[in-house]
Amino acid sequence: MDTDTNTANEGAMELRHDFEDCKPEYRLVYRGNEFAPEFNDGDEIVFSTELDHKHGDVIALWLKPEALNGRPQVSVWRVEMALPSFCKVPFTPHPKSEAHPVLIVRSAGDGKCRAIKGQDILGVHPKIGLFYNQQIARDEQEGEAAS
């Protein structure tokens, strides 16, 4: 599976350059069945702009417009290795540095890992639930008791 098929449908939305106008939680319609049975084609996934991502999270990965190279701006992945804590996105590397932090994501379809340079990332937002029947079915968070 490539980022071209592993997409969240943002419709006719203009390219994002920041998240200043975005609420702390937002929904995207997922297209594809790579994550079935966790969620399926047409499901509305709820993401958080305020929570940090960690290993194992499903995320909405937003690329900076200048880093798209024909790819969609937002796609859905599972985190294999999170960005280091010093790398707050959007990230701008020091001009004299040759070290580049990376986010390692895994495709749910083919299981392959991909490395995304920190400086290409506009946002990494973890999934917090699915939107059903006009309400959010929240994922169980670490530390919460099982229902």
N, C-alpha and C. Protein backbone atom coordinates (compact mmCIF):
# COMPACT_ATOMS: atom_id res chain seq x y z
N MET A 1 0.85 -1.17 0.00
CA MET A 1 0.00 0.00 0.00
C MET A 1 0.89 1.23 0.00
N ASP A 2 0.54 2.18 -0.80
CA ASP A 2 1.32 3.41 -0.89
C ASP A 2 0.49 4.54 -0.31
N THR A 3 1.12 5.68 -0.05
CA THR A 3 0.38 6.80 0.50
C THR A 3 -0.74 7.24 -0.43
N ASP A 4 -0.64 6.93 -1.73
CA ASP A 4 -1.70 7.32 -2.65
C ASP A 4 -3.00 6.59 -2.35
N THR A 5 -2.94 5.38 -1.81
CA THR A 5 -4.16 4.63 -1.50
C THR A 5 -4.47 4.64 -0.01
N ASN A 6 -3.52 4.97 0.79
CA ASN A 6 -3.68 5.00 2.25
C ASN A 6 -4.03 6.42 2.67
N THR A 7 -5.25 6.85 2.32
CA THR A 7 -5.57 8.25 2.50
C THR A 7 -6.79 8.47 3.37
N ALA A 8 -6.83 9.63 3.94
CA ALA A 8 -8.03 10.13 4.59
C ALA A 8 -8.63 11.12 3.62
N ASN A 9 -9.92 11.05 3.40
CA ASN A 9 -10.56 11.91 2.42
C ASN A 9 -10.82 13.27 3.01
N GLU A 10 -10.04 14.23 2.59
CA GLU A 10 -10.25 15.58 3.07
C GLU A 10 -11.05 16.40 2.08
N GLY A 11 -11.61 15.73 1.06
CA GLY A 11 -12.48 16.38 0.10
C GLY A 11 -11.74 17.43 -0.71
N ALA A 12 -12.42 18.53 -1.01
CA ALA A 12 -11.86 19.59 -1.82
C ALA A 12 -11.16 20.63 -0.95
N MET A 13 -10.61 20.18 0.15
CA MET A 13 -9.98 21.07 1.10
C MET A 13 -8.71 21.68 0.50
N GLU A 14 -8.48 22.95 0.81
CA GLU A 14 -7.24 23.59 0.39
C GLU A 14 -6.08 23.03 1.19
N LEU A 15 -4.89 23.18 0.65
CA LEU A 15 -3.71 22.70 1.36
C LEU A 15 -3.57 23.44 2.68
N ARG A 16 -3.19 22.70 3.71
CA ARG A 16 -2.95 23.30 5.03
C ARG A 16 -1.51 23.74 5.13
N HIS A 17 -1.32 24.88 5.80
CA HIS A 17 0.02 25.38 6.09
C HIS A 17 0.25 25.42 7.59
N ASP A 18 -0.84 25.27 8.37
CA ASP A 18 -0.77 25.24 9.83
C ASP A 18 -2.11 24.70 10.35
N PHE A 19 -2.23 24.62 11.67
CA PHE A 19 -3.45 24.11 12.30
C PHE A 19 -4.07 25.14 13.24
N GLU A 20 -3.76 26.43 13.00
CA GLU A 20 -4.25 27.49 13.88
C GLU A 20 -5.78 27.55 13.92
N ASP A 21 -6.45 27.23 12.81
CA ASP A 21 -7.90 27.29 12.76
C ASP A 21 -8.57 25.96 13.10
N CYS A 22 -7.78 24.99 13.52
CA CYS A 22 -8.28 23.64 13.76
C CYS A 22 -8.65 23.46 15.23
N LYS A 23 -9.78 22.79 15.46
CA LYS A 23 -10.19 22.48 16.83
C LYS A 23 -9.26 21.42 17.41
N PRO A 24 -9.30 21.21 18.74
CA PRO A 24 -8.43 20.20 19.35
C PRO A 24 -8.70 18.77 18.85
N GLU A 25 -9.92 18.53 18.36
CA GLU A 25 -10.28 17.23 17.78
C GLU A 25 -10.94 17.48 16.44
N TYR A 26 -10.62 16.66 15.46
CA TYR A 26 -11.25 16.79 14.14
C TYR A 26 -11.48 15.40 13.56
N ARG A 27 -12.33 15.33 12.54
CA ARG A 27 -12.67 14.05 11.91
C ARG A 27 -12.25 14.06 10.45
N LEU A 28 -11.81 12.89 9.99
CA LEU A 28 -11.53 12.67 8.58
C LEU A 28 -12.22 11.38 8.17
N VAL A 29 -12.73 11.34 6.96
CA VAL A 29 -13.32 10.12 6.42
C VAL A 29 -12.19 9.28 5.83
N TYR A 30 -12.08 8.04 6.30
CA TYR A 30 -11.01 7.15 5.84
C TYR A 30 -11.44 6.43 4.57
N ARG A 31 -10.52 6.30 3.63
CA ARG A 31 -10.76 5.55 2.39
C ARG A 31 -9.77 4.40 2.32
N GLY A 32 -10.29 3.18 2.23
CA GLY A 32 -9.47 1.98 2.15
C GLY A 32 -9.89 1.00 3.23
N ASN A 33 -9.38 -0.20 3.16
CA ASN A 33 -9.71 -1.23 4.15
C ASN A 33 -8.46 -1.84 4.77
N GLU A 34 -7.34 -1.15 4.65
CA GLU A 34 -6.08 -1.68 5.16
C GLU A 34 -6.09 -1.89 6.67
N PHE A 35 -6.89 -1.10 7.40
CA PHE A 35 -6.91 -1.19 8.85
C PHE A 35 -8.07 -2.05 9.37
N ALA A 36 -8.82 -2.69 8.48
CA ALA A 36 -9.94 -3.54 8.91
C ALA A 36 -9.40 -4.66 9.80
N PRO A 37 -10.09 -5.03 10.85
CA PRO A 37 -11.43 -4.60 11.26
C PRO A 37 -11.42 -3.40 12.22
N GLU A 38 -10.25 -2.81 12.50
CA GLU A 38 -10.19 -1.68 13.43
C GLU A 38 -11.07 -0.52 12.94
N PHE A 39 -10.98 -0.23 11.65
CA PHE A 39 -11.90 0.69 10.99
C PHE A 39 -11.86 0.40 9.51
N ASN A 40 -12.89 0.86 8.80
CA ASN A 40 -13.08 0.48 7.40
C ASN A 40 -13.34 1.69 6.52
N ASP A 41 -13.41 1.42 5.23
CA ASP A 41 -13.70 2.44 4.24
C ASP A 41 -14.98 3.20 4.62
N GLY A 42 -14.88 4.52 4.64
CA GLY A 42 -16.03 5.36 4.96
C GLY A 42 -16.18 5.72 6.42
N ASP A 43 -15.41 5.08 7.31
CA ASP A 43 -15.49 5.43 8.73
C ASP A 43 -14.92 6.83 8.95
N GLU A 44 -15.51 7.55 9.89
CA GLU A 44 -15.00 8.86 10.28
C GLU A 44 -14.10 8.67 11.49
N ILE A 45 -12.82 8.96 11.31
CA ILE A 45 -11.84 8.79 12.37
C ILE A 45 -11.65 10.14 13.05
N VAL A 46 -11.57 10.11 14.38
CA VAL A 46 -11.36 11.32 15.15
C VAL A 46 -9.90 11.37 15.61
N PHE A 47 -9.26 12.50 15.35
CA PHE A 47 -7.86 12.72 15.69
C PHE A 47 -7.73 13.89 16.65
N SER A 48 -6.64 13.90 17.42
CA SER A 48 -6.37 14.97 18.36
C SER A 48 -5.15 15.77 17.91
N THR A 49 -5.30 17.09 17.91
CA THR A 49 -4.16 17.96 17.60
C THR A 49 -3.32 18.25 18.84
N GLU A 50 -3.83 17.85 20.02
CA GLU A 50 -3.16 18.21 21.28
C GLU A 50 -2.36 17.08 21.90
N LEU A 51 -2.66 15.83 21.56
CA LEU A 51 -1.96 14.70 22.17
C LEU A 51 -0.69 14.37 21.41
N ASP A 52 0.31 13.88 22.12
CA ASP A 52 1.54 13.41 21.50
C ASP A 52 1.33 12.00 20.97
N HIS A 53 2.01 11.69 19.89
CA HIS A 53 1.95 10.34 19.33
C HIS A 53 3.00 9.45 20.00
N LYS A 54 2.75 8.14 19.94
CA LYS A 54 3.70 7.18 20.50
C LYS A 54 3.66 5.91 19.66
N HIS A 55 4.60 5.02 19.92
CA HIS A 55 4.67 3.75 19.21
C HIS A 55 3.31 3.04 19.26
N GLY A 56 2.86 2.55 18.13
CA GLY A 56 1.62 1.80 18.05
C GLY A 56 0.39 2.62 17.72
N ASP A 57 0.46 3.94 17.86
CA ASP A 57 -0.69 4.79 17.57
C ASP A 57 -1.00 4.78 16.07
N VAL A 58 -2.29 4.88 15.77
CA VAL A 58 -2.73 5.20 14.41
C VAL A 58 -2.75 6.72 14.36
N ILE A 59 -2.18 7.27 13.30
CA ILE A 59 -2.04 8.73 13.21
C ILE A 59 -2.54 9.26 11.87
N ALA A 60 -2.93 10.53 11.89
CA ALA A 60 -3.09 11.30 10.65
C ALA A 60 -1.75 12.01 10.47
N LEU A 61 -1.08 11.69 9.41
CA LEU A 61 0.23 12.28 9.11
C LEU A 61 0.02 13.35 8.04
N TRP A 62 0.29 14.59 8.42
CA TRP A 62 0.14 15.74 7.53
C TRP A 62 1.52 16.16 7.05
N LEU A 63 1.68 16.25 5.74
CA LEU A 63 2.94 16.72 5.16
C LEU A 63 2.84 18.21 4.84
N LYS A 64 3.97 18.89 4.91
CA LYS A 64 4.02 20.29 4.50
C LYS A 64 3.74 20.36 2.99
N PRO A 65 3.06 21.40 2.52
CA PRO A 65 2.75 21.49 1.08
C PRO A 65 3.97 21.35 0.19
N GLU A 66 5.10 21.90 0.60
CA GLU A 66 6.30 21.84 -0.24
C GLU A 66 6.94 20.45 -0.26
N ALA A 67 6.47 19.52 0.58
CA ALA A 67 7.04 18.17 0.63
C ALA A 67 6.14 17.12 -0.02
N LEU A 68 5.06 17.53 -0.65
CA LEU A 68 4.08 16.56 -1.16
C LEU A 68 4.59 15.72 -2.32
N ASN A 69 5.23 16.31 -3.30
CA ASN A 69 5.74 15.57 -4.47
C ASN A 69 4.70 14.61 -5.04
N GLY A 70 3.47 15.10 -5.22
CA GLY A 70 2.41 14.29 -5.81
C GLY A 70 1.65 13.42 -4.82
N ARG A 71 2.06 13.38 -3.57
CA ARG A 71 1.37 12.58 -2.55
C ARG A 71 0.24 13.41 -1.93
N PRO A 72 -0.75 12.74 -1.33
CA PRO A 72 -1.79 13.50 -0.62
C PRO A 72 -1.19 14.17 0.61
N GLN A 73 -1.80 15.27 1.03
CA GLN A 73 -1.25 15.98 2.18
C GLN A 73 -1.46 15.21 3.47
N VAL A 74 -2.55 14.45 3.57
CA VAL A 74 -2.81 13.70 4.81
C VAL A 74 -3.00 12.22 4.47
N SER A 75 -2.41 11.38 5.29
CA SER A 75 -2.57 9.93 5.14
C SER A 75 -2.60 9.31 6.53
N VAL A 76 -3.07 8.07 6.59
CA VAL A 76 -3.24 7.38 7.88
C VAL A 76 -2.23 6.24 7.97
N TRP A 77 -1.51 6.18 9.09
CA TRP A 77 -0.45 5.20 9.32
C TRP A 77 -0.46 4.73 10.76
N ARG A 78 0.35 3.71 11.05
CA ARG A 78 0.61 3.29 12.42
C ARG A 78 2.06 3.65 12.73
N VAL A 79 2.28 4.23 13.92
CA VAL A 79 3.63 4.66 14.31
C VAL A 79 4.46 3.45 14.71
N GLU A 80 5.60 3.31 14.08
CA GLU A 80 6.56 2.28 14.43
C GLU A 80 7.63 2.86 15.36
N MET A 81 8.06 4.10 15.07
CA MET A 81 9.01 4.80 15.94
C MET A 81 8.64 6.28 15.92
N ALA A 82 8.29 6.82 17.08
CA ALA A 82 7.83 8.20 17.18
C ALA A 82 9.00 9.17 16.96
N LEU A 83 8.63 10.38 16.62
CA LEU A 83 9.64 11.44 16.55
C LEU A 83 10.23 11.65 17.93
N PRO A 84 11.50 12.04 18.02
CA PRO A 84 12.08 12.33 19.34
C PRO A 84 11.36 13.52 19.98
N SER A 85 11.36 13.57 21.29
CA SER A 85 10.61 14.60 22.02
C SER A 85 11.06 16.02 21.68
N PHE A 86 12.31 16.21 21.28
CA PHE A 86 12.78 17.55 20.94
C PHE A 86 12.24 18.03 19.59
N CYS A 87 11.69 17.13 18.81
CA CYS A 87 11.23 17.45 17.46
C CYS A 87 9.75 17.80 17.49
N LYS A 88 9.46 19.04 17.75
CA LYS A 88 8.08 19.52 17.73
C LYS A 88 7.74 19.92 16.31
N VAL A 89 6.59 19.46 15.82
CA VAL A 89 6.21 19.76 14.45
C VAL A 89 5.30 20.97 14.41
N PRO A 90 5.39 21.79 13.37
CA PRO A 90 6.33 21.62 12.26
C PRO A 90 7.77 21.89 12.72
N PHE A 91 8.67 21.10 12.20
CA PHE A 91 10.07 21.11 12.61
C PHE A 91 10.92 21.80 11.54
N THR A 92 11.82 22.65 11.98
CA THR A 92 12.79 23.27 11.08
C THR A 92 14.17 22.92 11.61
N PRO A 93 14.94 22.16 10.84
CA PRO A 93 16.28 21.79 11.31
C PRO A 93 17.23 22.98 11.31
N HIS A 94 18.23 22.90 12.14
CA HIS A 94 19.27 23.91 12.15
C HIS A 94 19.97 23.87 10.78
N PRO A 95 20.22 25.03 10.17
CA PRO A 95 20.80 25.03 8.82
C PRO A 95 22.17 24.38 8.71
N LYS A 96 22.91 24.28 9.83
CA LYS A 96 24.24 23.67 9.77
C LYS A 96 24.23 22.20 10.22
N SER A 97 23.04 21.67 10.52
CA SER A 97 22.95 20.29 10.98
C SER A 97 22.78 19.33 9.81
N GLU A 98 23.42 18.20 9.91
CA GLU A 98 23.25 17.14 8.93
C GLU A 98 22.40 16.01 9.49
N ALA A 99 22.01 16.14 10.74
CA ALA A 99 21.16 15.13 11.38
C ALA A 99 19.70 15.51 11.17
N HIS A 100 18.90 14.54 10.78
CA HIS A 100 17.49 14.77 10.53
C HIS A 100 16.65 13.79 11.33
N PRO A 101 15.82 14.26 12.27
CA PRO A 101 14.93 13.33 12.97
C PRO A 101 13.92 12.76 11.99
N VAL A 102 13.53 11.50 12.23
CA VAL A 102 12.56 10.86 11.34
C VAL A 102 11.44 10.21 12.17
N LEU A 103 10.31 10.13 11.54
CA LEU A 103 9.16 9.38 12.05
C LEU A 103 9.11 8.11 11.22
N ILE A 104 9.07 6.96 11.89
CA ILE A 104 8.96 5.70 11.17
C ILE A 104 7.51 5.23 11.29
N VAL A 105 6.87 5.04 10.14
CA VAL A 105 5.48 4.60 10.11
C VAL A 105 5.40 3.26 9.39
N ARG A 106 4.37 2.49 9.75
CA ARG A 106 4.16 1.18 9.13
C ARG A 106 2.83 1.20 8.40
N SER A 107 2.86 0.66 7.21
CA SER A 107 1.65 0.51 6.42
C SER A 107 0.84 -0.66 6.95
N ALA A 108 -0.45 -0.47 7.11
CA ALA A 108 -1.31 -1.58 7.55
C ALA A 108 -1.53 -2.58 6.43
N GLY A 109 -1.38 -2.13 5.18
CA GLY A 109 -1.63 -3.00 4.03
C GLY A 109 -0.50 -3.96 3.74
N ASP A 110 0.69 -3.44 3.48
CA ASP A 110 1.81 -4.31 3.11
C ASP A 110 2.80 -4.53 4.24
N GLY A 111 2.60 -3.85 5.38
CA GLY A 111 3.47 -4.03 6.54
C GLY A 111 4.83 -3.38 6.42
N LYS A 112 5.09 -2.69 5.32
CA LYS A 112 6.38 -2.04 5.12
C LYS A 112 6.48 -0.77 5.95
N CYS A 113 7.71 -0.49 6.38
CA CYS A 113 7.98 0.74 7.13
C CYS A 113 8.50 1.80 6.17
N ARG A 114 8.18 3.02 6.52
CA ARG A 114 8.66 4.17 5.77
C ARG A 114 9.20 5.20 6.75
N ALA A 115 10.25 5.89 6.37
CA ALA A 115 10.83 6.95 7.19
C ALA A 115 10.42 8.28 6.61
N ILE A 116 9.85 9.13 7.44
CA ILE A 116 9.42 10.46 7.02
C ILE A 116 10.29 11.48 7.75
N LYS A 117 10.99 12.32 7.01
CA LYS A 117 11.85 13.32 7.62
C LYS A 117 11.03 14.31 8.43
N GLY A 118 11.53 14.64 9.61
CA GLY A 118 10.85 15.58 10.48
C GLY A 118 10.54 16.91 9.82
N GLN A 119 11.46 17.40 8.99
CA GLN A 119 11.25 18.70 8.36
C GLN A 119 10.17 18.69 7.28
N ASP A 120 9.70 17.49 6.86
CA ASP A 120 8.63 17.39 5.87
C ASP A 120 7.25 17.31 6.52
N ILE A 121 7.20 17.18 7.84
CA ILE A 121 5.95 16.93 8.54
C ILE A 121 5.32 18.23 9.05
N LEU A 122 4.04 18.41 8.73
CA LEU A 122 3.28 19.54 9.24
C LEU A 122 2.58 19.17 10.54
N GLY A 123 2.09 17.93 10.65
CA GLY A 123 1.40 17.50 11.85
C GLY A 123 1.35 15.99 11.98
N VAL A 124 1.36 15.51 13.22
CA VAL A 124 1.22 14.09 13.55
C VAL A 124 0.15 14.03 14.63
N HIS A 125 -1.04 13.57 14.26
CA HIS A 125 -2.17 13.61 15.18
C HIS A 125 -2.69 12.20 15.45
N PRO A 126 -2.63 11.74 16.70
CA PRO A 126 -3.08 10.39 17.02
C PRO A 126 -4.60 10.24 16.95
N LYS A 127 -5.02 9.06 16.54
CA LYS A 127 -6.44 8.69 16.53
C LYS A 127 -6.91 8.56 17.97
N ILE A 128 -8.08 9.15 18.25
CA ILE A 128 -8.65 9.03 19.59
C ILE A 128 -9.99 8.31 19.59
N GLY A 129 -10.51 8.00 18.40
CA GLY A 129 -11.78 7.29 18.33
C GLY A 129 -12.39 7.35 16.95
N LEU A 130 -13.62 6.85 16.89
CA LEU A 130 -14.40 6.87 15.65
C LEU A 130 -15.70 7.62 15.92
N PHE A 131 -16.25 8.24 14.89
CA PHE A 131 -17.48 9.01 15.02
C PHE A 131 -18.63 8.15 14.49
N TYR A 132 -19.55 7.77 15.39
CA TYR A 132 -20.73 6.97 15.04
C TYR A 132 -21.95 7.60 15.68
N ASN A 133 -23.06 7.57 14.96
CA ASN A 133 -24.34 8.00 15.53
C ASN A 133 -24.24 9.35 16.24
N GLN A 134 -23.59 10.30 15.60
CA GLN A 134 -23.46 11.67 16.10
C GLN A 134 -22.69 11.79 17.42
N GLN A 135 -21.86 10.79 17.73
CA GLN A 135 -21.02 10.90 18.92
C GLN A 135 -19.69 10.18 18.69
N ILE A 136 -18.72 10.49 19.52
CA ILE A 136 -17.40 9.89 19.39
C ILE A 136 -17.33 8.63 20.25
N ALA A 137 -17.00 7.51 19.61
CA ALA A 137 -16.68 6.29 20.34
C ALA A 137 -15.18 6.35 20.59
N ARG A 138 -14.80 6.78 21.79
CA ARG A 138 -13.39 7.03 22.10
C ARG A 138 -12.63 5.73 22.29
N ASP A 139 -11.38 5.74 21.83
CA ASP A 139 -10.48 4.62 22.07
C ASP A 139 -10.18 4.57 23.55
N GLU A 140 -9.91 3.40 24.04
CA GLU A 140 -9.48 3.27 25.44
C GLU A 140 -8.08 3.81 25.54
N GLN A 141 -7.88 4.76 26.42
CA GLN A 141 -6.56 5.38 26.61
C GLN A 141 -5.76 4.59 27.63
N GLU A 142 -4.44 4.64 27.48
CA GLU A 142 -3.55 3.96 28.40
C GLU A 142 -3.83 4.45 29.82
N GLY A 143 -3.98 3.53 30.74
CA GLY A 143 -4.24 3.89 32.14
C GLY A 143 -5.71 3.88 32.51
N GLU A 144 -6.59 3.83 31.48
CA GLU A 144 -8.03 3.75 31.77
C GLU A 144 -8.40 2.30 32.03
N ALA A 145 -9.39 2.11 32.87
CA ALA A 145 -9.88 0.75 33.13
C ALA A 145 -10.72 0.29 31.96
N ALA A 146 -10.64 -0.97 31.65
CA ALA A 146 -11.47 -1.54 30.58
C ALA A 146 -12.91 -1.57 31.03
N SER A 147 -13.82 -1.29 30.07
CA SER A 147 -15.25 -1.28 30.40
C SER A 147 -15.81 -2.68 30.37
